Amino acid sequence: MKTLKTKNASRASIAKLSAVEGGKYILRLFIAGASLRSQQALIRVRRICETELKGNFELTVIDVYQQPKLARDWQIVAIPTLVKEFPLPMRRFIGNFSDVASILSGEGNAIGEKIAV
């Protein structure tokens, strides 16, 4: 019962953030080629965006094999990594992205904010 309540609260906070003017989610997904893990991460992130954000997002997919400079610039050390740039605070998520509500609300297992360079 508590889990359902938490999920509903998280979805409410997602809706509140989406309703803010200019509150479009800006996401970057760093993957490594066409590996199975990369494909699964891309499918999950797109599903999250389409079902939870309903068009209120901008998703950029970056293949670190094709654009290694971007991976260095963003200090990406593990793949797949999802970076939520906006709404603030900026967060990075590593793994399988199965906990949808916590990723979008920023309450999940993020590894911290990007260090300005």
N, C-alpha and C. Protein backbone atom coordinates (compact mmCIF):
# COMPACT_ATOMS: atom_id res chain seq x y z
N MET A 1 0.82 -1.20 0.00
CA MET A 1 0.00 0.00 0.00
C MET A 1 0.86 1.25 0.00
N LYS A 2 1.91 1.25 0.80
CA LYS A 2 2.79 2.40 0.88
C LYS A 2 3.47 2.67 -0.46
N THR A 3 3.86 1.61 -1.17
CA THR A 3 4.49 1.78 -2.47
C THR A 3 3.57 2.47 -3.45
N LEU A 4 2.30 2.09 -3.47
CA LEU A 4 1.33 2.72 -4.36
C LEU A 4 1.20 4.20 -4.04
N LYS A 5 1.16 4.53 -2.76
CA LYS A 5 1.04 5.91 -2.34
C LYS A 5 2.27 6.71 -2.79
N THR A 6 3.46 6.13 -2.66
CA THR A 6 4.70 6.79 -3.08
C THR A 6 4.71 7.01 -4.58
N LYS A 7 4.29 6.00 -5.35
CA LYS A 7 4.26 6.15 -6.79
C LYS A 7 3.29 7.25 -7.20
N ASN A 8 2.11 7.31 -6.56
CA ASN A 8 1.15 8.36 -6.87
C ASN A 8 1.70 9.73 -6.52
N ALA A 9 2.39 9.84 -5.40
CA ALA A 9 2.98 11.12 -5.00
C ALA A 9 4.05 11.53 -6.00
N SER A 10 4.86 10.59 -6.45
CA SER A 10 5.89 10.91 -7.42
C SER A 10 5.28 11.35 -8.74
N ARG A 11 4.25 10.67 -9.18
CA ARG A 11 3.59 11.05 -10.43
C ARG A 11 2.95 12.42 -10.31
N ALA A 12 2.44 12.75 -9.13
CA ALA A 12 1.87 14.08 -8.92
C ALA A 12 2.96 15.14 -9.03
N SER A 13 4.13 14.87 -8.46
CA SER A 13 5.21 15.85 -8.56
C SER A 13 5.72 15.95 -9.99
N ILE A 14 5.68 14.86 -10.76
CA ILE A 14 6.05 14.90 -12.17
C ILE A 14 5.07 15.79 -12.93
N ALA A 15 3.79 15.61 -12.67
CA ALA A 15 2.77 16.43 -13.33
C ALA A 15 2.94 17.90 -12.98
N LYS A 16 3.27 18.19 -11.72
CA LYS A 16 3.46 19.57 -11.29
C LYS A 16 4.64 20.20 -12.03
N LEU A 17 5.76 19.45 -12.13
CA LEU A 17 6.93 19.97 -12.83
C LEU A 17 6.64 20.18 -14.31
N SER A 18 5.87 19.28 -14.90
CA SER A 18 5.54 19.40 -16.32
C SER A 18 4.64 20.59 -16.59
N ALA A 19 3.83 20.97 -15.61
CA ALA A 19 2.89 22.05 -15.80
C ALA A 19 3.55 23.43 -15.73
N VAL A 20 4.74 23.49 -15.15
CA VAL A 20 5.45 24.76 -15.04
C VAL A 20 5.81 25.24 -16.44
N GLU A 21 5.64 26.54 -16.67
CA GLU A 21 5.96 27.10 -17.98
C GLU A 21 7.43 26.86 -18.27
N GLY A 22 7.71 26.32 -19.45
CA GLY A 22 9.08 26.01 -19.80
C GLY A 22 9.61 24.81 -19.06
N GLY A 23 8.73 24.02 -18.46
CA GLY A 23 9.13 22.88 -17.65
C GLY A 23 9.39 21.63 -18.45
N LYS A 24 9.78 21.77 -19.70
CA LYS A 24 10.05 20.61 -20.54
C LYS A 24 11.29 19.88 -20.00
N TYR A 25 11.18 18.58 -19.89
CA TYR A 25 12.31 17.77 -19.45
C TYR A 25 13.36 17.74 -20.55
N ILE A 26 14.60 17.97 -20.18
CA ILE A 26 15.72 17.87 -21.11
C ILE A 26 16.58 16.71 -20.64
N LEU A 27 16.66 15.68 -21.47
CA LEU A 27 17.33 14.44 -21.12
C LEU A 27 18.40 14.10 -22.14
N ARG A 28 19.51 13.53 -21.67
CA ARG A 28 20.56 13.01 -22.55
C ARG A 28 20.81 11.56 -22.14
N LEU A 29 20.75 10.68 -23.11
CA LEU A 29 21.02 9.26 -22.86
C LEU A 29 22.32 8.89 -23.54
N PHE A 30 23.29 8.48 -22.75
CA PHE A 30 24.58 8.05 -23.28
C PHE A 30 24.58 6.53 -23.36
N ILE A 31 24.83 6.00 -24.58
CA ILE A 31 24.84 4.56 -24.83
C ILE A 31 26.16 4.19 -25.51
N ALA A 32 26.41 2.89 -25.62
CA ALA A 32 27.62 2.39 -26.26
C ALA A 32 27.24 1.51 -27.44
N GLY A 33 27.16 2.09 -28.61
CA GLY A 33 26.87 1.34 -29.83
C GLY A 33 25.49 0.71 -29.82
N ALA A 34 25.40 -0.41 -30.52
CA ALA A 34 24.11 -1.11 -30.67
C ALA A 34 24.05 -2.35 -29.79
N SER A 35 24.70 -2.31 -28.64
CA SER A 35 24.69 -3.46 -27.73
C SER A 35 23.28 -3.70 -27.19
N LEU A 36 23.06 -4.87 -26.67
CA LEU A 36 21.76 -5.22 -26.10
C LEU A 36 21.40 -4.27 -24.95
N ARG A 37 22.36 -4.00 -24.07
CA ARG A 37 22.11 -3.08 -22.95
C ARG A 37 21.73 -1.69 -23.44
N SER A 38 22.41 -1.23 -24.47
CA SER A 38 22.11 0.10 -25.02
C SER A 38 20.71 0.13 -25.61
N GLN A 39 20.36 -0.90 -26.35
CA GLN A 39 19.02 -0.98 -26.95
C GLN A 39 17.94 -1.02 -25.88
N GLN A 40 18.16 -1.82 -24.83
CA GLN A 40 17.17 -1.90 -23.75
C GLN A 40 17.03 -0.57 -23.03
N ALA A 41 18.15 0.10 -22.79
CA ALA A 41 18.10 1.42 -22.13
C ALA A 41 17.33 2.41 -22.97
N LEU A 42 17.58 2.42 -24.26
CA LEU A 42 16.88 3.34 -25.16
C LEU A 42 15.38 3.06 -25.19
N ILE A 43 15.01 1.80 -25.24
CA ILE A 43 13.58 1.42 -25.24
C ILE A 43 12.93 1.88 -23.94
N ARG A 44 13.56 1.62 -22.80
CA ARG A 44 12.98 2.01 -21.51
C ARG A 44 12.85 3.52 -21.37
N VAL A 45 13.88 4.25 -21.75
CA VAL A 45 13.83 5.71 -21.62
C VAL A 45 12.76 6.29 -22.55
N ARG A 46 12.68 5.80 -23.77
CA ARG A 46 11.62 6.29 -24.68
C ARG A 46 10.24 5.97 -24.13
N ARG A 47 10.08 4.77 -23.57
CA ARG A 47 8.78 4.39 -22.99
C ARG A 47 8.44 5.32 -21.82
N ILE A 48 9.42 5.60 -20.97
CA ILE A 48 9.20 6.53 -19.85
C ILE A 48 8.76 7.88 -20.39
N CYS A 49 9.48 8.38 -21.36
CA CYS A 49 9.16 9.70 -21.92
C CYS A 49 7.77 9.74 -22.53
N GLU A 50 7.43 8.73 -23.31
CA GLU A 50 6.14 8.73 -24.01
C GLU A 50 4.97 8.52 -23.07
N THR A 51 5.13 7.71 -22.04
CA THR A 51 3.99 7.43 -21.16
C THR A 51 3.87 8.42 -20.01
N GLU A 52 4.99 8.83 -19.44
CA GLU A 52 4.95 9.70 -18.27
C GLU A 52 5.01 11.19 -18.61
N LEU A 53 5.77 11.54 -19.63
CA LEU A 53 5.97 12.96 -19.95
C LEU A 53 5.07 13.45 -21.08
N LYS A 54 4.52 12.54 -21.84
CA LYS A 54 3.53 12.83 -22.88
C LYS A 54 3.91 14.04 -23.75
N GLY A 55 5.07 13.95 -24.39
CA GLY A 55 5.49 14.98 -25.31
C GLY A 55 6.16 16.18 -24.67
N ASN A 56 6.29 16.19 -23.38
CA ASN A 56 6.87 17.32 -22.67
C ASN A 56 8.35 17.05 -22.36
N PHE A 57 9.10 16.63 -23.40
CA PHE A 57 10.50 16.28 -23.19
C PHE A 57 11.30 16.50 -24.46
N GLU A 58 12.60 16.60 -24.26
CA GLU A 58 13.56 16.64 -25.35
C GLU A 58 14.63 15.61 -25.01
N LEU A 59 14.72 14.55 -25.80
CA LEU A 59 15.66 13.46 -25.53
C LEU A 59 16.73 13.45 -26.61
N THR A 60 17.98 13.50 -26.18
CA THR A 60 19.12 13.39 -27.09
C THR A 60 19.85 12.10 -26.76
N VAL A 61 20.05 11.25 -27.77
CA VAL A 61 20.76 9.98 -27.59
C VAL A 61 22.18 10.16 -28.14
N ILE A 62 23.15 9.85 -27.31
CA ILE A 62 24.55 10.04 -27.67
C ILE A 62 25.27 8.70 -27.58
N ASP A 63 25.80 8.25 -28.72
CA ASP A 63 26.59 7.03 -28.76
C ASP A 63 28.04 7.42 -28.47
N VAL A 64 28.57 6.92 -27.37
CA VAL A 64 29.92 7.32 -26.96
C VAL A 64 31.00 6.80 -27.91
N TYR A 65 30.69 5.78 -28.70
CA TYR A 65 31.65 5.31 -29.70
C TYR A 65 31.76 6.32 -30.84
N GLN A 66 30.65 6.95 -31.20
CA GLN A 66 30.64 7.91 -32.29
C GLN A 66 31.00 9.32 -31.84
N GLN A 67 30.73 9.64 -30.58
CA GLN A 67 30.99 10.98 -30.07
C GLN A 67 31.72 10.91 -28.72
N PRO A 68 32.94 10.41 -28.71
CA PRO A 68 33.67 10.26 -27.44
C PRO A 68 33.95 11.60 -26.75
N LYS A 69 34.08 12.66 -27.53
CA LYS A 69 34.33 13.97 -26.92
C LYS A 69 33.17 14.40 -26.02
N LEU A 70 31.94 14.13 -26.44
CA LEU A 70 30.79 14.47 -25.59
C LEU A 70 30.80 13.66 -24.30
N ALA A 71 31.20 12.41 -24.39
CA ALA A 71 31.28 11.58 -23.18
C ALA A 71 32.33 12.16 -22.22
N ARG A 72 33.45 12.61 -22.76
CA ARG A 72 34.48 13.24 -21.92
C ARG A 72 33.97 14.56 -21.34
N ASP A 73 33.34 15.38 -22.17
CA ASP A 73 32.85 16.68 -21.72
C ASP A 73 31.83 16.53 -20.59
N TRP A 74 30.98 15.51 -20.67
CA TRP A 74 29.95 15.28 -19.66
C TRP A 74 30.45 14.39 -18.52
N GLN A 75 31.71 13.98 -18.58
CA GLN A 75 32.33 13.15 -17.56
C GLN A 75 31.56 11.84 -17.33
N ILE A 76 31.24 11.18 -18.43
CA ILE A 76 30.50 9.92 -18.37
C ILE A 76 31.50 8.80 -18.11
N VAL A 77 31.27 8.04 -17.06
CA VAL A 77 32.19 6.96 -16.69
C VAL A 77 31.54 5.58 -16.76
N ALA A 78 30.23 5.52 -16.93
CA ALA A 78 29.52 4.24 -17.03
C ALA A 78 28.41 4.37 -18.07
N ILE A 79 28.11 3.26 -18.71
CA ILE A 79 27.11 3.24 -19.77
C ILE A 79 26.12 2.14 -19.47
N PRO A 80 24.83 2.32 -19.66
CA PRO A 80 24.16 3.54 -20.09
C PRO A 80 24.00 4.54 -18.93
N THR A 81 24.03 5.81 -19.28
CA THR A 81 23.82 6.88 -18.32
C THR A 81 22.75 7.81 -18.87
N LEU A 82 21.77 8.14 -18.03
CA LEU A 82 20.75 9.11 -18.39
C LEU A 82 21.00 10.36 -17.57
N VAL A 83 21.13 11.49 -18.25
CA VAL A 83 21.34 12.77 -17.57
C VAL A 83 20.06 13.57 -17.70
N LYS A 84 19.50 13.95 -16.56
CA LYS A 84 18.32 14.82 -16.54
C LYS A 84 18.85 16.24 -16.29
N GLU A 85 18.90 17.01 -17.37
CA GLU A 85 19.42 18.38 -17.26
C GLU A 85 18.40 19.33 -16.65
N PHE A 86 17.17 19.19 -17.06
CA PHE A 86 16.11 20.08 -16.59
C PHE A 86 14.85 19.26 -16.42
N PRO A 87 14.07 19.49 -15.40
CA PRO A 87 14.16 20.53 -14.38
C PRO A 87 15.30 20.25 -13.40
N LEU A 88 15.78 21.31 -12.83
CA LEU A 88 16.86 21.22 -11.85
C LEU A 88 16.38 20.53 -10.59
N PRO A 89 17.18 19.87 -9.83
CA PRO A 89 18.61 19.76 -9.99
C PRO A 89 18.97 18.74 -11.07
N MET A 90 20.12 18.97 -11.70
CA MET A 90 20.62 18.05 -12.70
C MET A 90 20.97 16.73 -12.01
N ARG A 91 20.59 15.63 -12.64
CA ARG A 91 20.86 14.30 -12.06
C ARG A 91 21.37 13.36 -13.13
N ARG A 92 22.16 12.38 -12.70
CA ARG A 92 22.64 11.31 -13.58
C ARG A 92 22.13 9.98 -13.03
N PHE A 93 21.65 9.15 -13.92
CA PHE A 93 21.17 7.83 -13.53
C PHE A 93 21.91 6.78 -14.35
N ILE A 94 22.37 5.75 -13.66
CA ILE A 94 23.09 4.67 -14.32
C ILE A 94 22.34 3.38 -14.06
N GLY A 95 22.22 2.55 -15.08
CA GLY A 95 21.60 1.26 -14.86
C GLY A 95 20.53 0.94 -15.88
N ASN A 96 19.49 0.23 -15.41
CA ASN A 96 18.48 -0.25 -16.34
C ASN A 96 17.24 0.65 -16.41
N PHE A 97 17.18 1.69 -15.61
CA PHE A 97 16.10 2.68 -15.65
C PHE A 97 14.72 2.06 -15.44
N SER A 98 14.64 1.09 -14.54
CA SER A 98 13.36 0.41 -14.31
C SER A 98 12.46 1.16 -13.32
N ASP A 99 13.02 2.05 -12.51
CA ASP A 99 12.23 2.78 -11.53
C ASP A 99 11.83 4.14 -12.10
N VAL A 100 10.78 4.13 -12.89
CA VAL A 100 10.34 5.29 -13.67
C VAL A 100 10.08 6.52 -12.83
N ALA A 101 9.26 6.40 -11.82
CA ALA A 101 8.84 7.57 -11.04
C ALA A 101 10.01 8.25 -10.37
N SER A 102 10.92 7.47 -9.82
CA SER A 102 12.04 8.09 -9.10
C SER A 102 13.00 8.79 -10.06
N ILE A 103 13.14 8.27 -11.27
CA ILE A 103 14.01 8.93 -12.24
C ILE A 103 13.47 10.30 -12.59
N LEU A 104 12.20 10.38 -12.89
CA LEU A 104 11.63 11.64 -13.33
C LEU A 104 11.46 12.65 -12.21
N SER A 105 11.17 12.17 -11.02
CA SER A 105 10.97 13.09 -9.91
C SER A 105 12.28 13.50 -9.26
N GLY A 106 13.36 12.78 -9.58
CA GLY A 106 14.65 13.11 -9.01
C GLY A 106 14.87 12.51 -7.63
N GLU A 107 13.99 11.61 -7.21
CA GLU A 107 14.09 11.01 -5.88
C GLU A 107 14.84 9.69 -5.92
N GLY A 108 15.27 9.26 -7.07
CA GLY A 108 15.86 7.93 -7.19
C GLY A 108 17.34 7.91 -6.87
N ASN A 109 18.01 6.89 -7.37
CA ASN A 109 19.42 6.68 -7.10
C ASN A 109 20.27 7.42 -8.11
N ALA A 110 20.24 8.72 -8.03
CA ALA A 110 21.08 9.52 -8.91
C ALA A 110 22.49 9.54 -8.35
N ILE A 111 23.47 9.75 -9.21
CA ILE A 111 24.84 9.77 -8.71
C ILE A 111 25.37 11.17 -8.54
N GLY A 112 24.54 12.17 -8.66
CA GLY A 112 24.99 13.53 -8.37
C GLY A 112 24.83 14.48 -9.53
N GLU A 113 25.24 15.66 -9.31
CA GLU A 113 25.10 16.70 -10.31
C GLU A 113 26.37 16.82 -11.13
N LYS A 114 26.24 17.30 -12.35
CA LYS A 114 27.38 17.51 -13.22
C LYS A 114 28.25 18.60 -12.65
N ILE A 115 29.53 18.39 -12.68
CA ILE A 115 30.46 19.41 -12.19
C ILE A 115 30.74 20.36 -13.33
N ALA A 116 30.59 21.64 -13.09
CA ALA A 116 30.84 22.65 -14.12
C ALA A 116 32.33 22.66 -14.45
N VAL A 117 32.62 22.73 -15.76
CA VAL A 117 34.02 22.78 -16.19
C VAL A 117 34.30 24.07 -16.92
